[in-house]
């Protein structure tokens, strides 16, 4: 599945440039402790988190996450969006909590 398909199927908000939405999605990782995510998330994962600071972009880059999915109506700050766009990282959003998103993703990926 592509990130663009995920956006459509789950009705997700898109905070960053749509130029990066053709990345492949392969699995999901949920976590808010950045050092933990760096060691556990796998390439191609959708990373579900409530974290909203510029460091999430660095972690997504290091782990080669397909995208960052902010849950529970967390919005990306402008500085985070700018950094993500410059690094080619997709940031999405949803009103659903992490469990609800992971449940929906499990049926799609």
C-alpha atoms as a PDB file:
ATOM      1  CA  UNK A   1       0.000   0.000   0.000  1.00  0.00           C
ATOM      2  CA  UNK A   2       1.115   3.553  -0.691  1.00  0.00           C
ATOM      3  CA  UNK A   3       0.855   6.442   1.757  1.00  0.00           C
ATOM      4  CA  UNK A   4      -1.571   8.179  -0.633  1.00  0.00           C
ATOM      5  CA  UNK A   5      -3.904   5.161  -0.426  1.00  0.00           C
ATOM      6  CA  UNK A   6      -3.624   5.138   3.362  1.00  0.00           C
ATOM      7  CA  UNK A   7      -4.601   8.808   3.493  1.00  0.00           C
ATOM      8  CA  UNK A   8      -7.704   8.133   1.451  1.00  0.00           C
ATOM      9  CA  UNK A   9      -8.797   4.940   3.242  1.00  0.00           C
ATOM     10  CA  UNK A  10      -8.413   6.382   6.754  1.00  0.00           C
ATOM     11  CA  UNK A  11      -9.472   9.939   5.860  1.00  0.00           C
ATOM     12  CA  UNK A  12      -6.253  11.411   7.278  1.00  0.00           C
ATOM     13  CA  UNK A  13      -5.183  15.048   7.420  1.00  0.00           C
ATOM     14  CA  UNK A  14      -1.997  15.887   5.536  1.00  0.00           C
ATOM     15  CA  UNK A  15       0.328  18.444   7.110  1.00  0.00           C
ATOM     16  CA  UNK A  16       3.244  18.208   4.681  1.00  0.00           C
ATOM     17  CA  UNK A  17       3.799  18.394   0.951  1.00  0.00           C
ATOM     18  CA  UNK A  18       1.848  15.852  -1.107  1.00  0.00           C
ATOM     19  CA  UNK A  19       4.989  15.226  -3.200  1.00  0.00           C
ATOM     20  CA  UNK A  20       6.070  12.412  -0.871  1.00  0.00           C
ATOM     21  CA  UNK A  21       2.844  10.390  -0.720  1.00  0.00           C
ATOM     22  CA  UNK A  22       3.979   7.568  -3.016  1.00  0.00           C
ATOM     23  CA  UNK A  23       6.089   5.897  -0.335  1.00  0.00           C
ATOM     24  CA  UNK A  24       5.297   2.269   0.398  1.00  0.00           C
ATOM     25  CA  UNK A  25       3.769   1.387   3.769  1.00  0.00           C
ATOM     26  CA  UNK A  26       4.987  -1.778   5.445  1.00  0.00           C
ATOM     27  CA  UNK A  27       3.749  -2.176   9.000  1.00  0.00           C
ATOM     28  CA  UNK A  28       3.144   0.139  11.888  1.00  0.00           C
ATOM     29  CA  UNK A  29       4.953   1.205  15.037  1.00  0.00           C
ATOM     30  CA  UNK A  30       3.416   3.074  17.983  1.00  0.00           C
ATOM     31  CA  UNK A  31       5.607   4.984  20.389  1.00  0.00           C
ATOM     32  CA  UNK A  32       6.253   8.331  22.006  1.00  0.00           C
ATOM     33  CA  UNK A  33       9.684   7.788  23.540  1.00  0.00           C
ATOM     34  CA  UNK A  34      11.950   8.912  20.716  1.00  0.00           C
ATOM     35  CA  UNK A  35      14.991   6.846  21.685  1.00  0.00           C
ATOM     36  CA  UNK A  36      12.810   3.745  21.904  1.00  0.00           C
ATOM     37  CA  UNK A  37      11.279   4.382  18.483  1.00  0.00           C
ATOM     38  CA  UNK A  38      14.774   4.826  16.995  1.00  0.00           C
ATOM     39  CA  UNK A  39      15.702   1.350  18.169  1.00  0.00           C
ATOM     40  CA  UNK A  40      12.453  -0.452  17.380  1.00  0.00           C
ATOM     41  CA  UNK A  41      10.672   1.065  14.361  1.00  0.00           C
ATOM     42  CA  UNK A  42      11.418  -0.548  11.019  1.00  0.00           C
ATOM     43  CA  UNK A  43      11.863   0.841   7.556  1.00  0.00           C
ATOM     44  CA  UNK A  44       8.521   1.497   5.877  1.00  0.00           C
ATOM     45  CA  UNK A  45       6.523   1.609   9.113  1.00  0.00           C
ATOM     46  CA  UNK A  46       3.773   4.115   9.724  1.00  0.00           C
ATOM     47  CA  UNK A  47       4.877   5.708  12.999  1.00  0.00           C
ATOM     48  CA  UNK A  48       1.901   6.576  15.225  1.00  0.00           C
ATOM     49  CA  UNK A  49       2.646   9.113  17.963  1.00  0.00           C
ATOM     50  CA  UNK A  50       1.389  12.114  19.892  1.00  0.00           C
ATOM     51  CA  UNK A  51       4.829  13.753  19.840  1.00  0.00           C
ATOM     52  CA  UNK A  52       4.924  17.088  18.044  1.00  0.00           C
ATOM     53  CA  UNK A  53       8.380  18.575  17.992  1.00  0.00           C
ATOM     54  CA  UNK A  54      11.089  18.857  15.384  1.00  0.00           C
ATOM     55  CA  UNK A  55      12.865  15.765  16.745  1.00  0.00           C
ATOM     56  CA  UNK A  56      10.165  13.494  15.285  1.00  0.00           C
ATOM     57  CA  UNK A  57      11.446  14.375  11.831  1.00  0.00           C
ATOM     58  CA  UNK A  58      14.957  13.246  12.743  1.00  0.00           C
ATOM     59  CA  UNK A  59      13.658   9.979  14.181  1.00  0.00           C
ATOM     60  CA  UNK A  60      11.505   9.308  11.109  1.00  0.00           C
ATOM     61  CA  UNK A  61      14.529   9.956   8.911  1.00  0.00           C
ATOM     62  CA  UNK A  62      16.769   7.630  10.939  1.00  0.00           C
ATOM     63  CA  UNK A  63      14.225   4.812  10.967  1.00  0.00           C
ATOM     64  CA  UNK A  64      13.130   5.364   7.350  1.00  0.00           C
ATOM     65  CA  UNK A  65       9.485   5.512   8.443  1.00  0.00           C
ATOM     66  CA  UNK A  66       7.020   5.763   5.572  1.00  0.00           C
ATOM     67  CA  UNK A  67       5.250   8.560   7.458  1.00  0.00           C
ATOM     68  CA  UNK A  68       4.490  10.017  10.865  1.00  0.00           C
ATOM     69  CA  UNK A  69       0.853   9.736  11.911  1.00  0.00           C
ATOM     70  CA  UNK A  70      -0.138  12.124  14.698  1.00  0.00           C
ATOM     71  CA  UNK A  71      -3.099  10.760  16.608  1.00  0.00           C
ATOM     72  CA  UNK A  72      -5.722  12.256  18.956  1.00  0.00           C
ATOM     73  CA  UNK A  73      -6.032  15.526  17.008  1.00  0.00           C
ATOM     74  CA  UNK A  74      -2.415  16.529  17.575  1.00  0.00           C
ATOM     75  CA  UNK A  75      -1.470  19.165  15.007  1.00  0.00           C
ATOM     76  CA  UNK A  76       1.984  19.627  13.522  1.00  0.00           C
ATOM     77  CA  UNK A  77       3.639  22.956  14.322  1.00  0.00           C
ATOM     78  CA  UNK A  78       4.846  25.084  11.432  1.00  0.00           C
ATOM     79  CA  UNK A  79       8.521  24.509  12.322  1.00  0.00           C
ATOM     80  CA  UNK A  80       7.947  20.746  12.301  1.00  0.00           C
ATOM     81  CA  UNK A  81       6.177  20.946   8.934  1.00  0.00           C
ATOM     82  CA  UNK A  82       9.010  22.992   7.425  1.00  0.00           C
ATOM     83  CA  UNK A  83      11.641  20.538   8.647  1.00  0.00           C
ATOM     84  CA  UNK A  84       9.605  17.544   7.429  1.00  0.00           C
ATOM     85  CA  UNK A  85       9.166  19.078   3.982  1.00  0.00           C
ATOM     86  CA  UNK A  86      12.901  19.758   3.739  1.00  0.00           C
ATOM     87  CA  UNK A  87      13.676  16.132   4.707  1.00  0.00           C
ATOM     88  CA  UNK A  88      10.973  14.456   2.594  1.00  0.00           C
ATOM     89  CA  UNK A  89       9.042  13.183   5.622  1.00  0.00           C
ATOM     90  CA  UNK A  90       5.252  12.870   5.446  1.00  0.00           C
ATOM     91  CA  UNK A  91       3.269  13.978   8.503  1.00  0.00           C
ATOM     92  CA  UNK A  92      -0.377  12.965   8.723  1.00  0.00           C
ATOM     93  CA  UNK A  93      -3.037  13.451  11.381  1.00  0.00           C
ATOM     94  CA  UNK A  94      -6.155  11.812  12.763  1.00  0.00           C
ATOM     95  CA  UNK A  95      -8.657  12.358  15.557  1.00  0.00           C
ATOM     96  CA  UNK A  96      -8.473   8.644  16.405  1.00  0.00           C
ATOM     97  CA  UNK A  97      -6.277   7.304  19.199  1.00  0.00           C
ATOM     98  CA  UNK A  98      -3.287   5.032  18.589  1.00  0.00           C
ATOM     99  CA  UNK A  99      -5.227   1.833  19.261  1.00  0.00           C
ATOM    100  CA  UNK A 100      -8.022   2.761  16.860  1.00  0.00           C
ATOM    101  CA  UNK A 101      -5.535   3.693  14.134  1.00  0.00           C
ATOM    102  CA  UNK A 102      -3.484   0.526  14.559  1.00  0.00           C
ATOM    103  CA  UNK A 103      -6.681  -1.550  14.423  1.00  0.00           C
ATOM    104  CA  UNK A 104      -7.685   0.083  11.152  1.00  0.00           C
ATOM    105  CA  UNK A 105      -4.179  -0.234   9.743  1.00  0.00           C
ATOM    106  CA  UNK A 106      -4.008  -3.945  10.527  1.00  0.00           C
ATOM    107  CA  UNK A 107      -6.821  -4.559   8.084  1.00  0.00           C
ATOM    108  CA  UNK A 108      -5.204  -2.472   5.353  1.00  0.00           C
ATOM    109  CA  UNK A 109      -1.479  -3.244   5.385  1.00  0.00           C
END
